[in-house]
Amino acid sequence: MSDSLWGYQPSCGHTAGIDLTGYSVEATDGSIGKVDKHSDKVGSACLLVDTGVWIFGKHVLLPAGTVKRIDPEDRKVHVELTKEQVKNSPEFDRQRQTEDPAYHEQLSAYYLAYRIM
């Protein structure tokens, strides 16, 4: 993985400027939803994923460092997390937390526990 959880891994196939909105998001054990919004911002790159009915319409913010592979042909983003790990992630509040440093710290602590070196 990249040195920062908030940056894409060089090997994941991410191309700066590509629009990932609408891509399906796949955990290691199945689908978790679709990319609702994403950011390539240096130091805070992330995906906002709409989980749909899977976990009652919850949105989750996934740091870009959790992305294992992007498949533009199939329009899929594969993350190095299980469905359960995503389901148990810190609650996301779209109005407050997209750029909130404290929330990013909370997410970092959560996802770093699952980071594969």
PDB file of N, CA and C in Angstrom:
ATOM      1  N   MET A   1       0.835  -1.181   0.000  1.00  0.00           N
ATOM      2  CA  MET A   1       0.000   0.000   0.000  1.00  0.00           C
ATOM      3  C   MET A   1       0.876   1.239   0.000  1.00  0.00           C
ATOM      4  N   SER A   2       0.299   2.331  -0.345  1.00  0.00           N
ATOM      5  CA  SER A   2       1.040   3.582  -0.310  1.00  0.00           C
ATOM      6  C   SER A   2       1.354   3.941   1.136  1.00  0.00           C
ATOM      7  N   ASP A   3       2.283   4.866   1.320  1.00  0.00           N
ATOM      8  CA  ASP A   3       2.641   5.284   2.668  1.00  0.00           C
ATOM      9  C   ASP A   3       1.458   5.909   3.386  1.00  0.00           C
ATOM     10  N   SER A   4       0.562   6.503   2.647  1.00  0.00           N
ATOM     11  CA  SER A   4      -0.591   7.157   3.246  1.00  0.00           C
ATOM     12  C   SER A   4      -1.857   6.370   2.941  1.00  0.00           C
ATOM     13  N   LEU A   5      -2.672   6.206   3.949  1.00  0.00           N
ATOM     14  CA  LEU A   5      -3.961   5.559   3.755  1.00  0.00           C
ATOM     15  C   LEU A   5      -4.860   6.411   2.860  1.00  0.00           C
ATOM     16  N   TRP A   6      -4.541   7.695   2.762  1.00  0.00           N
ATOM     17  CA  TRP A   6      -5.364   8.640   2.007  1.00  0.00           C
ATOM     18  C   TRP A   6      -4.791   8.912   0.616  1.00  0.00           C
ATOM     19  N   GLY A   7      -4.138   7.903   0.049  1.00  0.00           N
ATOM     20  CA  GLY A   7      -3.632   7.982  -1.319  1.00  0.00           C
ATOM     21  C   GLY A   7      -3.771   6.619  -1.976  1.00  0.00           C
ATOM     22  N   TYR A   8      -3.955   6.592  -3.294  1.00  0.00           N
ATOM     23  CA  TYR A   8      -4.106   5.325  -4.012  1.00  0.00           C
ATOM     24  C   TYR A   8      -2.773   4.581  -4.077  1.00  0.00           C
ATOM     25  N   GLN A   9      -2.824   3.267  -3.990  1.00  0.00           N
ATOM     26  CA  GLN A   9      -1.649   2.436  -4.166  1.00  0.00           C
ATOM     27  C   GLN A   9      -1.201   2.553  -5.624  1.00  0.00           C
ATOM     28  N   PRO A  10       0.082   2.640  -5.864  1.00  0.00           N
ATOM     29  CA  PRO A  10       0.559   2.740  -7.253  1.00  0.00           C
ATOM     30  C   PRO A  10       0.122   1.554  -8.118  1.00  0.00           C
ATOM     31  N   SER A  11      -0.053   0.391  -7.522  1.00  0.00           N
ATOM     32  CA  SER A  11      -0.392  -0.822  -8.277  1.00  0.00           C
ATOM     33  C   SER A  11      -1.889  -1.027  -8.515  1.00  0.00           C
ATOM     34  N   CYS A  12      -2.748  -0.122  -8.019  1.00  0.00           N
ATOM     35  CA  CYS A  12      -4.199  -0.368  -8.093  1.00  0.00           C
ATOM     36  C   CYS A  12      -4.821  -0.007  -9.446  1.00  0.00           C
ATOM     37  N   GLY A  13      -4.083   0.690 -10.281  1.00  0.00           N
ATOM     38  CA  GLY A  13      -4.617   1.037 -11.592  1.00  0.00           C
ATOM     39  C   GLY A  13      -5.375   2.349 -11.625  1.00  0.00           C
ATOM     40  N   HIS A  14      -5.244   3.158 -10.595  1.00  0.00           N
ATOM     41  CA  HIS A  14      -5.921   4.455 -10.568  1.00  0.00           C
ATOM     42  C   HIS A  14      -5.235   5.419 -11.517  1.00  0.00           C
ATOM     43  N   THR A  15      -6.041   6.131 -12.287  1.00  0.00           N
ATOM     44  CA  THR A  15      -5.556   7.173 -13.171  1.00  0.00           C
ATOM     45  C   THR A  15      -6.156   8.488 -12.705  1.00  0.00           C
ATOM     46  N   ALA A  16      -5.294   9.441 -12.388  1.00  0.00           N
ATOM     47  CA  ALA A  16      -5.779  10.752 -11.930  1.00  0.00           C
ATOM     48  C   ALA A  16      -6.750  11.330 -12.954  1.00  0.00           C
ATOM     49  N   GLY A  17      -7.850  11.859 -12.443  1.00  0.00           N
ATOM     50  CA  GLY A  17      -8.840  12.497 -13.302  1.00  0.00           C
ATOM     51  C   GLY A  17      -9.942  11.570 -13.787  1.00  0.00           C
ATOM     52  N   ILE A  18      -9.802  10.256 -13.640  1.00  0.00           N
ATOM     53  CA  ILE A  18     -10.864   9.337 -14.059  1.00  0.00           C
ATOM     54  C   ILE A  18     -12.053   9.479 -13.109  1.00  0.00           C
ATOM     55  N   ASP A  19     -13.244   9.485 -13.662  1.00  0.00           N
ATOM     56  CA  ASP A  19     -14.457   9.625 -12.853  1.00  0.00           C
ATOM     57  C   ASP A  19     -14.924   8.241 -12.421  1.00  0.00           C
ATOM     58  N   LEU A  20     -14.830   7.957 -11.145  1.00  0.00           N
ATOM     59  CA  LEU A  20     -15.230   6.653 -10.613  1.00  0.00           C
ATOM     60  C   LEU A  20     -16.690   6.618 -10.176  1.00  0.00           C
ATOM     61  N   THR A  21     -17.393   7.728 -10.280  1.00  0.00           N
ATOM     62  CA  THR A  21     -18.795   7.788  -9.879  1.00  0.00           C
ATOM     63  C   THR A  21     -19.597   6.730 -10.644  1.00  0.00           C
ATOM     64  N   GLY A  22     -20.371   5.945  -9.891  1.00  0.00           N
ATOM     65  CA  GLY A  22     -21.193   4.902 -10.493  1.00  0.00           C
ATOM     66  C   GLY A  22     -20.518   3.550 -10.578  1.00  0.00           C
ATOM     67  N   TYR A  23     -19.213   3.487 -10.337  1.00  0.00           N
ATOM     68  CA  TYR A  23     -18.522   2.196 -10.343  1.00  0.00           C
ATOM     69  C   TYR A  23     -19.053   1.336  -9.195  1.00  0.00           C
ATOM     70  N   SER A  24     -19.174   0.041  -9.423  1.00  0.00           N
ATOM     71  CA  SER A  24     -19.519  -0.898  -8.363  1.00  0.00           C
ATOM     72  C   SER A  24     -18.306  -1.043  -7.453  1.00  0.00           C
ATOM     73  N   VAL A  25     -18.563  -1.268  -6.162  1.00  0.00           N
ATOM     74  CA  VAL A  25     -17.482  -1.459  -5.205  1.00  0.00           C
ATOM     75  C   VAL A  25     -17.591  -2.875  -4.660  1.00  0.00           C
ATOM     76  N   GLU A  26     -16.491  -3.611  -4.777  1.00  0.00           N
ATOM     77  CA  GLU A  26     -16.445  -5.010  -4.370  1.00  0.00           C
ATOM     78  C   GLU A  26     -15.503  -5.187  -3.194  1.00  0.00           C
ATOM     79  N   ALA A  27     -16.019  -5.746  -2.109  1.00  0.00           N
ATOM     80  CA  ALA A  27     -15.187  -6.145  -0.976  1.00  0.00           C
ATOM     81  C   ALA A  27     -14.565  -7.494  -1.323  1.00  0.00           C
ATOM     82  N   THR A  28     -13.746  -8.023  -0.452  1.00  0.00           N
ATOM     83  CA  THR A  28     -13.128  -9.321  -0.718  1.00  0.00           C
ATOM     84  C   THR A  28     -14.145 -10.446  -0.745  1.00  0.00           C
ATOM     85  N   ASP A  29     -15.334 -10.210  -0.165  1.00  0.00           N
ATOM     86  CA  ASP A  29     -16.359 -11.252  -0.094  1.00  0.00           C
ATOM     87  C   ASP A  29     -17.698 -10.845  -0.700  1.00  0.00           C
ATOM     88  N   GLY A  30     -17.679  -9.881  -1.614  1.00  0.00           N
ATOM     89  CA  GLY A  30     -18.917  -9.528  -2.304  1.00  0.00           C
ATOM     90  C   GLY A  30     -19.115  -8.044  -2.477  1.00  0.00           C
ATOM     91  N   SER A  31     -20.190  -7.688  -3.148  1.00  0.00           N
ATOM     92  CA  SER A  31     -20.501  -6.298  -3.471  1.00  0.00           C
ATOM     93  C   SER A  31     -20.943  -5.514  -2.242  1.00  0.00           C
ATOM     94  N   ILE A  32     -20.487  -4.251  -2.176  1.00  0.00           N
ATOM     95  CA  ILE A  32     -20.915  -3.402  -1.053  1.00  0.00           C
ATOM     96  C   ILE A  32     -21.653  -2.153  -1.507  1.00  0.00           C
ATOM     97  N   GLY A  33     -21.722  -1.907  -2.808  1.00  0.00           N
ATOM     98  CA  GLY A  33     -22.460  -0.737  -3.276  1.00  0.00           C
ATOM     99  C   GLY A  33     -21.818  -0.091  -4.483  1.00  0.00           C
ATOM    100  N   LYS A  34     -22.085   1.211  -4.616  1.00  0.00           N
ATOM    101  CA  LYS A  34     -21.578   1.984  -5.765  1.00  0.00           C
ATOM    102  C   LYS A  34     -20.916   3.263  -5.279  1.00  0.00           C
ATOM    103  N   VAL A  35     -19.945   3.720  -6.055  1.00  0.00           N
ATOM    104  CA  VAL A  35     -19.280   4.983  -5.744  1.00  0.00           C
ATOM    105  C   VAL A  35     -20.270   6.111  -5.999  1.00  0.00           C
ATOM    106  N   ASP A  36     -20.573   6.872  -4.965  1.00  0.00           N
ATOM    107  CA  ASP A  36     -21.470   8.014  -5.060  1.00  0.00           C
ATOM    108  C   ASP A  36     -20.677   9.272  -5.400  1.00  0.00           C
ATOM    109  N   LYS A  37     -19.452   9.332  -4.871  1.00  0.00           N
ATOM    110  CA  LYS A  37     -18.596  10.495  -5.052  1.00  0.00           C
ATOM    111  C   LYS A  37     -17.173  10.047  -4.741  1.00  0.00           C
ATOM    112  N   HIS A  38     -16.196  10.723  -5.327  1.00  0.00           N
ATOM    113  CA  HIS A  38     -14.812  10.391  -4.990  1.00  0.00           C
ATOM    114  C   HIS A  38     -13.963  11.646  -5.059  1.00  0.00           C
ATOM    115  N   SER A  39     -12.807  11.557  -4.428  1.00  0.00           N
ATOM    116  CA  SER A  39     -11.870  12.670  -4.417  1.00  0.00           C
ATOM    117  C   SER A  39     -10.473  12.142  -4.698  1.00  0.00           C
ATOM    118  N   ASP A  40      -9.732  12.855  -5.529  1.00  0.00           N
ATOM    119  CA  ASP A  40      -8.334  12.538  -5.806  1.00  0.00           C
ATOM    120  C   ASP A  40      -7.412  13.496  -5.065  1.00  0.00           C
ATOM    121  N   LYS A  41      -7.973  14.277  -4.168  1.00  0.00           N
ATOM    122  CA  LYS A  41      -7.206  15.297  -3.458  1.00  0.00           C
ATOM    123  C   LYS A  41      -6.017  14.669  -2.728  1.00  0.00           C
ATOM    124  N   VAL A  42      -4.832  15.205  -2.982  1.00  0.00           N
ATOM    125  CA  VAL A  42      -3.619  14.684  -2.364  1.00  0.00           C
ATOM    126  C   VAL A  42      -3.741  14.750  -0.840  1.00  0.00           C
ATOM    127  N   GLY A  43      -3.477  13.627  -0.196  1.00  0.00           N
ATOM    128  CA  GLY A  43      -3.535  13.560   1.254  1.00  0.00           C
ATOM    129  C   GLY A  43      -4.904  13.267   1.823  1.00  0.00           C
ATOM    130  N   SER A  44      -5.949  13.280   0.981  1.00  0.00           N
ATOM    131  CA  SER A  44      -7.283  12.934   1.462  1.00  0.00           C
ATOM    132  C   SER A  44      -8.133  12.290   0.361  1.00  0.00           C
ATOM    133  N   ALA A  45      -7.481  11.546  -0.531  1.00  0.00           N
ATOM    134  CA  ALA A  45      -8.202  10.847  -1.592  1.00  0.00           C
ATOM    135  C   ALA A  45      -9.084   9.760  -0.975  1.00  0.00           C
ATOM    136  N   CYS A  46     -10.322   9.681  -1.468  1.00  0.00           N
ATOM    137  CA  CYS A  46     -11.276   8.741  -0.867  1.00  0.00           C
ATOM    138  C   CYS A  46     -12.432   8.462  -1.806  1.00  0.00           C
ATOM    139  N   LEU A  47     -13.220   7.471  -1.428  1.00  0.00           N
ATOM    140  CA  LEU A  47     -14.450   7.122  -2.134  1.00  0.00           C
ATOM    141  C   LEU A  47     -15.610   7.220  -1.148  1.00  0.00           C
ATOM    142  N   LEU A  48     -16.681   7.856  -1.567  1.00  0.00           N
ATOM    143  CA  LEU A  48     -17.917   7.837  -0.798  1.00  0.00           C
ATOM    144  C   LEU A  48     -18.795   6.780  -1.458  1.00  0.00           C
ATOM    145  N   VAL A  49     -19.122   5.736  -0.698  1.00  0.00           N
ATOM    146  CA  VAL A  49     -19.845   4.593  -1.249  1.00  0.00           C
ATOM    147  C   VAL A  49     -21.256   4.550  -0.686  1.00  0.00           C
ATOM    148  N   ASP A  50     -22.219   4.465  -1.602  1.00  0.00           N
ATOM    149  CA  ASP A  50     -23.620   4.282  -1.231  1.00  0.00           C
ATOM    150  C   ASP A  50     -23.858   2.782  -1.163  1.00  0.00           C
ATOM    151  N   THR A  51     -24.124   2.277   0.029  1.00  0.00           N
ATOM    152  CA  THR A  51     -24.299   0.836   0.212  1.00  0.00           C
ATOM    153  C   THR A  51     -25.699   0.357  -0.158  1.00  0.00           C
ATOM    154  N   GLY A  52     -26.582   1.284  -0.514  1.00  0.00           N
ATOM    155  CA  GLY A  52     -27.929   0.900  -0.931  1.00  0.00           C
ATOM    156  C   GLY A  52     -28.670   0.153   0.146  1.00  0.00           C
ATOM    157  N   VAL A  53     -29.413  -0.873  -0.248  1.00  0.00           N
ATOM    158  CA  VAL A  53     -30.233  -1.625   0.701  1.00  0.00           C
ATOM    159  C   VAL A  53     -29.423  -2.606   1.535  1.00  0.00           C
ATOM    160  N   TRP A  54     -28.172  -2.840   1.116  1.00  0.00           N
ATOM    161  CA  TRP A  54     -27.346  -3.820   1.828  1.00  0.00           C
ATOM    162  C   TRP A  54     -27.251  -3.485   3.313  1.00  0.00           C
ATOM    163  N   ILE A  55     -26.957  -2.236   3.657  1.00  0.00           N
ATOM    164  CA  ILE A  55     -26.984  -1.837   5.065  1.00  0.00           C
ATOM    165  C   ILE A  55     -27.839  -0.579   5.223  1.00  0.00           C
ATOM    166  N   PHE A  56     -29.050  -0.674   4.689  1.00  0.00           N
ATOM    167  CA  PHE A  56     -30.091   0.328   4.875  1.00  0.00           C
ATOM    168  C   PHE A  56     -29.692   1.724   4.415  1.00  0.00           C
ATOM    169  N   GLY A  57     -29.076   1.802   3.246  1.00  0.00           N
ATOM    170  CA  GLY A  57     -28.787   3.098   2.657  1.00  0.00           C
ATOM    171  C   GLY A  57     -27.649   3.863   3.294  1.00  0.00           C
ATOM    172  N   LYS A  58     -26.862   3.209   4.075  1.00  0.00           N
ATOM    173  CA  LYS A  58     -25.725   3.855   4.722  1.00  0.00           C
ATOM    174  C   LYS A  58     -24.683   4.258   3.680  1.00  0.00           C
ATOM    175  N   HIS A  59     -24.071   5.395   3.900  1.00  0.00           N
ATOM    176  CA  HIS A  59     -22.929   5.819   3.104  1.00  0.00           C
ATOM    177  C   HIS A  59     -21.681   5.591   3.939  1.00  0.00           C
ATOM    178  N   VAL A  60     -20.623   5.122   3.299  1.00  0.00           N
ATOM    179  CA  VAL A  60     -19.349   4.943   3.986  1.00  0.00           C
ATOM    180  C   VAL A  60     -18.264   5.662   3.208  1.00  0.00           C
ATOM    181  N   LEU A  61     -17.316   6.199   3.935  1.00  0.00           N
ATOM    182  CA  LEU A  61     -16.172   6.869   3.329  1.00  0.00           C
ATOM    183  C   LEU A  61     -14.989   5.918   3.423  1.00  0.00           C
ATOM    184  N   LEU A  62     -14.445   5.540   2.263  1.00  0.00           N
ATOM    185  CA  LEU A  62     -13.314   4.627   2.222  1.00  0.00           C
ATOM    186  C   LEU A  62     -12.063   5.382   1.773  1.00  0.00           C
ATOM    187  N   PRO A  63     -11.020   5.386   2.584  1.00  0.00           N
ATOM    188  CA  PRO A  63      -9.767   6.003   2.158  1.00  0.00           C
ATOM    189  C   PRO A  63      -9.247   5.316   0.890  1.00  0.00           C
ATOM    190  N   ALA A  64      -8.625   6.068   0.009  1.00  0.00           N
ATOM    191  CA  ALA A  64      -8.135   5.530  -1.260  1.00  0.00           C
ATOM    192  C   ALA A  64      -7.139   4.394  -1.058  1.00  0.00           C
ATOM    193  N   GLY A  65      -6.443   4.376   0.061  1.00  0.00           N
ATOM    194  CA  GLY A  65      -5.476   3.323   0.336  1.00  0.00           C
ATOM    195  C   GLY A  65      -6.096   1.953   0.551  1.00  0.00           C
ATOM    196  N   THR A  66      -7.416   1.877   0.688  1.00  0.00           N
ATOM    197  CA  THR A  66      -8.083   0.581   0.827  1.00  0.00           C
ATOM    198  C   THR A  66      -8.388  -0.037  -0.537  1.00  0.00           C
ATOM    199  N   VAL A  67      -8.182   0.734  -1.616  1.00  0.00           N
ATOM    200  CA  VAL A  67      -8.464   0.242  -2.964  1.00  0.00           C
ATOM    201  C   VAL A  67      -7.333  -0.679  -3.415  1.00  0.00           C
ATOM    202  N   LYS A  68      -7.702  -1.894  -3.764  1.00  0.00           N
ATOM    203  CA  LYS A  68      -6.715  -2.864  -4.248  1.00  0.00           C
ATOM    204  C   LYS A  68      -6.566  -2.778  -5.757  1.00  0.00           C
ATOM    205  N   ARG A  69      -7.702  -2.625  -6.460  1.00  0.00           N
ATOM    206  CA  ARG A  69      -7.656  -2.649  -7.923  1.00  0.00           C
ATOM    207  C   ARG A  69      -8.866  -1.909  -8.488  1.00  0.00           C
ATOM    208  N   ILE A  70      -8.629  -1.200  -9.568  1.00  0.00           N
ATOM    209  CA  ILE A  70      -9.710  -0.525 -10.301  1.00  0.00           C
ATOM    210  C   ILE A  70      -9.788  -1.166 -11.677  1.00  0.00           C
ATOM    211  N   ASP A  71     -10.985  -1.597 -12.043  1.00  0.00           N
ATOM    212  CA  ASP A  71     -11.207  -2.237 -13.339  1.00  0.00           C
ATOM    213  C   ASP A  71     -12.118  -1.337 -14.172  1.00  0.00           C
ATOM    214  N   PRO A  72     -11.514  -0.464 -15.004  1.00  0.00           N
ATOM    215  CA  PRO A  72     -12.342   0.470 -15.788  1.00  0.00           C
ATOM    216  C   PRO A  72     -13.236  -0.225 -16.816  1.00  0.00           C
ATOM    217  N   GLU A  73     -12.824  -1.381 -17.318  1.00  0.00           N
ATOM    218  CA  GLU A  73     -13.617  -2.093 -18.312  1.00  0.00           C
ATOM    219  C   GLU A  73     -14.938  -2.575 -17.718  1.00  0.00           C
ATOM    220  N   ASP A  74     -14.880  -3.133 -16.500  1.00  0.00           N
ATOM    221  CA  ASP A  74     -16.084  -3.617 -15.823  1.00  0.00           C
ATOM    222  C   ASP A  74     -16.695  -2.576 -14.897  1.00  0.00           C
ATOM    223  N   ARG A  75     -16.049  -1.396 -14.811  1.00  0.00           N
ATOM    224  CA  ARG A  75     -16.490  -0.308 -13.939  1.00  0.00           C
ATOM    225  C   ARG A  75     -16.652  -0.794 -12.491  1.00  0.00           C
ATOM    226  N   LYS A  76     -15.560  -1.406 -11.981  1.00  0.00           N
ATOM    227  CA  LYS A  76     -15.554  -1.917 -10.613  1.00  0.00           C
ATOM    228  C   LYS A  76     -14.316  -1.434  -9.874  1.00  0.00           C
ATOM    229  N   VAL A  77     -14.521  -1.164  -8.585  1.00  0.00           N
ATOM    230  CA  VAL A  77     -13.438  -0.838  -7.672  1.00  0.00           C
ATOM    231  C   VAL A  77     -13.393  -1.968  -6.646  1.00  0.00           C
ATOM    232  N   HIS A  78     -12.240  -2.609  -6.525  1.00  0.00           N
ATOM    233  CA  HIS A  78     -12.068  -3.692  -5.563  1.00  0.00           C
ATOM    234  C   HIS A  78     -11.301  -3.149  -4.360  1.00  0.00           C
ATOM    235  N   VAL A  79     -11.858  -3.365  -3.167  1.00  0.00           N
ATOM    236  CA  VAL A  79     -11.200  -2.894  -1.950  1.00  0.00           C
ATOM    237  C   VAL A  79     -10.710  -4.082  -1.136  1.00  0.00           C
ATOM    238  N   GLU A  80      -9.674  -3.838  -0.362  1.00  0.00           N
ATOM    239  CA  GLU A  80      -9.047  -4.878   0.458  1.00  0.00           C
ATOM    240  C   GLU A  80      -9.686  -4.911   1.844  1.00  0.00           C
ATOM    241  N   LEU A  81     -11.018  -5.050   1.852  1.00  0.00           N
ATOM    242  CA  LEU A  81     -11.808  -5.098   3.079  1.00  0.00           C
ATOM    243  C   LEU A  81     -12.926  -6.117   2.902  1.00  0.00           C
ATOM    244  N   THR A  82     -13.409  -6.659   4.004  1.00  0.00           N
ATOM    245  CA  THR A  82     -14.577  -7.540   3.944  1.00  0.00           C
ATOM    246  C   THR A  82     -15.845  -6.690   4.064  1.00  0.00           C
ATOM    247  N   LYS A  83     -16.953  -7.293   3.733  1.00  0.00           N
ATOM    248  CA  LYS A  83     -18.236  -6.603   3.896  1.00  0.00           C
ATOM    249  C   LYS A  83     -18.464  -6.220   5.356  1.00  0.00           C
ATOM    250  N   GLU A  84     -18.108  -7.111   6.262  1.00  0.00           N
ATOM    251  CA  GLU A  84     -18.295  -6.853   7.692  1.00  0.00           C
ATOM    252  C   GLU A  84     -17.446  -5.655   8.145  1.00  0.00           C
ATOM    253  N   GLN A  85     -16.213  -5.563   7.660  1.00  0.00           N
ATOM    254  CA  GLN A  85     -15.349  -4.435   8.018  1.00  0.00           C
ATOM    255  C   GLN A  85     -15.947  -3.118   7.538  1.00  0.00           C
ATOM    256  N   VAL A  86     -16.511  -3.126   6.348  1.00  0.00           N
ATOM    257  CA  VAL A  86     -17.146  -1.918   5.816  1.00  0.00           C
ATOM    258  C   VAL A  86     -18.410  -1.604   6.620  1.00  0.00           C
ATOM    259  N   LYS A  87     -19.193  -2.615   6.899  1.00  0.00           N
ATOM    260  CA  LYS A  87     -20.439  -2.427   7.648  1.00  0.00           C
ATOM    261  C   LYS A  87     -20.180  -1.823   9.025  1.00  0.00           C
ATOM    262  N   ASN A  88     -19.085  -2.212   9.669  1.00  0.00           N
ATOM    263  CA  ASN A  88     -18.763  -1.744  11.011  1.00  0.00           C
ATOM    264  C   ASN A  88     -17.933  -0.467  11.037  1.00  0.00           C
ATOM    265  N   SER A  89     -17.719   0.138   9.892  1.00  0.00           N
ATOM    266  CA  SER A  89     -16.904   1.358   9.828  1.00  0.00           C
ATOM    267  C   SER A  89     -17.609   2.521  10.533  1.00  0.00           C
ATOM    268  N   PRO A  90     -16.843   3.532  10.925  1.00  0.00           N
ATOM    269  CA  PRO A  90     -17.456   4.689  11.596  1.00  0.00           C
ATOM    270  C   PRO A  90     -18.567   5.312  10.748  1.00  0.00           C
ATOM    271  N   GLU A  91     -19.623   5.737  11.404  1.00  0.00           N
ATOM    272  CA  GLU A  91     -20.776   6.388  10.748  1.00  0.00           C
ATOM    273  C   GLU A  91     -20.312   7.589   9.940  1.00  0.00           C
ATOM    274  N   PHE A  92     -20.938   7.799   8.801  1.00  0.00           N
ATOM    275  CA  PHE A  92     -20.608   8.938   7.951  1.00  0.00           C
ATOM    276  C   PHE A  92     -21.763   9.926   7.937  1.00  0.00           C
ATOM    277  N   ASP A  93     -21.458  11.196   8.148  1.00  0.00           N
ATOM    278  CA  ASP A  93     -22.431  12.277   8.072  1.00  0.00           C
ATOM    279  C   ASP A  93     -21.977  13.213   6.956  1.00  0.00           C
ATOM    280  N   ARG A  94     -22.658  13.136   5.826  1.00  0.00           N
ATOM    281  CA  ARG A  94     -22.271  13.882   4.623  1.00  0.00           C
ATOM    282  C   ARG A  94     -22.146  15.383   4.885  1.00  0.00           C
ATOM    283  N   GLN A  95     -22.981  15.925   5.728  1.00  0.00           N
ATOM    284  CA  GLN A  95     -22.987  17.372   5.971  1.00  0.00           C
ATOM    285  C   GLN A  95     -21.771  17.848   6.761  1.00  0.00           C
ATOM    286  N   ARG A  96     -21.214  16.975   7.596  1.00  0.00           N
ATOM    287  CA  ARG A  96     -20.148  17.412   8.493  1.00  0.00           C
ATOM    288  C   ARG A  96     -18.792  16.817   8.191  1.00  0.00           C
ATOM    289  N   GLN A  97     -18.734  15.593   7.702  1.00  0.00           N
ATOM    290  CA  GLN A  97     -17.491  14.852   7.818  1.00  0.00           C
ATOM    291  C   GLN A  97     -16.626  14.708   6.577  1.00  0.00           C
ATOM    292  N   THR A  98     -17.031  15.166   5.437  1.00  0.00           N
ATOM    293  CA  THR A  98     -16.220  14.970   4.247  1.00  0.00           C
ATOM    294  C   THR A  98     -14.822  15.563   4.413  1.00  0.00           C
ATOM    295  N   GLU A  99     -14.714  16.739   4.977  1.00  0.00           N
ATOM    296  CA  GLU A  99     -13.416  17.395   5.146  1.00  0.00           C
ATOM    297  C   GLU A  99     -13.011  17.565   6.610  1.00  0.00           C
ATOM    298  N   ASP A 100     -13.657  16.871   7.519  1.00  0.00           N
ATOM    299  CA  ASP A 100     -13.395  17.006   8.948  1.00  0.00           C
ATOM    300  C   ASP A 100     -12.142  16.214   9.339  1.00  0.00           C
ATOM    301  N   PRO A 101     -11.062  16.888   9.771  1.00  0.00           N
ATOM    302  CA  PRO A 101      -9.824  16.185  10.139  1.00  0.00           C
ATOM    303  C   PRO A 101     -10.015  15.164  11.265  1.00  0.00           C
ATOM    304  N   ALA A 102     -10.866  15.442  12.224  1.00  0.00           N
ATOM    305  CA  ALA A 102     -11.097  14.505  13.327  1.00  0.00           C
ATOM    306  C   ALA A 102     -11.753  13.219  12.814  1.00  0.00           C
ATOM    307  N   TYR A 103     -12.683  13.367  11.867  1.00  0.00           N
ATOM    308  CA  TYR A 103     -13.323  12.195  11.289  1.00  0.00           C
ATOM    309  C   TYR A 103     -12.313  11.384  10.486  1.00  0.00           C
ATOM    310  N   HIS A 104     -11.442  12.061   9.739  1.00  0.00           N
ATOM    311  CA  HIS A 104     -10.405  11.359   8.981  1.00  0.00           C
ATOM    312  C   HIS A 104      -9.480  10.585   9.923  1.00  0.00           C
ATOM    313  N   GLU A 105      -9.178  11.154  11.071  1.00  0.00           N
ATOM    314  CA  GLU A 105      -8.348  10.454  12.063  1.00  0.00           C
ATOM    315  C   GLU A 105      -9.068   9.213  12.587  1.00  0.00           C
ATOM    316  N   GLN A 106     -10.363   9.340  12.836  1.00  0.00           N
ATOM    317  CA  GLN A 106     -11.161   8.210  13.303  1.00  0.00           C
ATOM    318  C   GLN A 106     -11.160   7.099  12.247  1.00  0.00           C
ATOM    319  N   LEU A 107     -11.355   7.474  10.989  1.00  0.00           N
ATOM    320  CA  LEU A 107     -11.335   6.488   9.908  1.00  0.00           C
ATOM    321  C   LEU A 107      -9.957   5.855   9.776  1.00  0.00           C
ATOM    322  N   SER A 108      -8.915   6.673   9.857  1.00  0.00           N
ATOM    323  CA  SER A 108      -7.552   6.153   9.744  1.00  0.00           C
ATOM    324  C   SER A 108      -7.301   5.089  10.799  1.00  0.00           C
ATOM    325  N   ALA A 109      -7.659   5.374  12.033  1.00  0.00           N
ATOM    326  CA  ALA A 109      -7.455   4.417  13.114  1.00  0.00           C
ATOM    327  C   ALA A 109      -8.225   3.125  12.836  1.00  0.00           C
ATOM    328  N   TYR A 110      -9.447   3.244  12.343  1.00  0.00           N
ATOM    329  CA  TYR A 110     -10.261   2.063  12.056  1.00  0.00           C
ATOM    330  C   TYR A 110      -9.654   1.232  10.930  1.00  0.00           C
ATOM    331  N   TYR A 111      -9.367   1.862   9.783  1.00  0.00           N
ATOM    332  CA  TYR A 111      -8.905   1.112   8.622  1.00  0.00           C
ATOM    333  C   TYR A 111      -7.457   0.656   8.726  1.00  0.00           C
ATOM    334  N   LEU A 112      -6.625   1.363   9.459  1.00  0.00           N
ATOM    335  CA  LEU A 112      -5.240   0.927   9.632  1.00  0.00           C
ATOM    336  C   LEU A 112      -5.166  -0.416  10.358  1.00  0.00           C
ATOM    337  N   ALA A 113      -6.155  -0.718  11.169  1.00  0.00           N
ATOM    338  CA  ALA A 113      -6.187  -1.996  11.867  1.00  0.00           C
ATOM    339  C   ALA A 113      -6.320  -3.162  10.882  1.00  0.00           C
ATOM    340  N   TYR A 114      -6.845  -2.894   9.680  1.00  0.00           N
ATOM    341  CA  TYR A 114      -7.046  -3.937   8.673  1.00  0.00           C
ATOM    342  C   TYR A 114      -6.062  -3.855   7.522  1.00  0.00           C
ATOM    343  N   ARG A 115      -5.161  -2.914   7.593  1.00  0.00           N
ATOM    344  CA  ARG A 115      -4.235  -2.666   6.487  1.00  0.00           C
ATOM    345  C   ARG A 115      -3.288  -3.843   6.297  1.00  0.00           C
ATOM    346  N   ILE A 116      -3.144  -4.268   5.065  1.00  0.00           N
ATOM    347  CA  ILE A 116      -2.236  -5.349   4.720  1.00  0.00           C
ATOM    348  C   ILE A 116      -0.932  -4.739   4.235  1.00  0.00           C
ATOM    349  N   MET A 117       0.139  -5.113   4.885  1.00  0.00           N
ATOM    350  CA  MET A 117       1.463  -4.583   4.510  1.00  0.00           C
ATOM    351  C   MET A 117       2.088  -5.439   3.432  1.00  0.00           C
TER     352      MET A 117
END
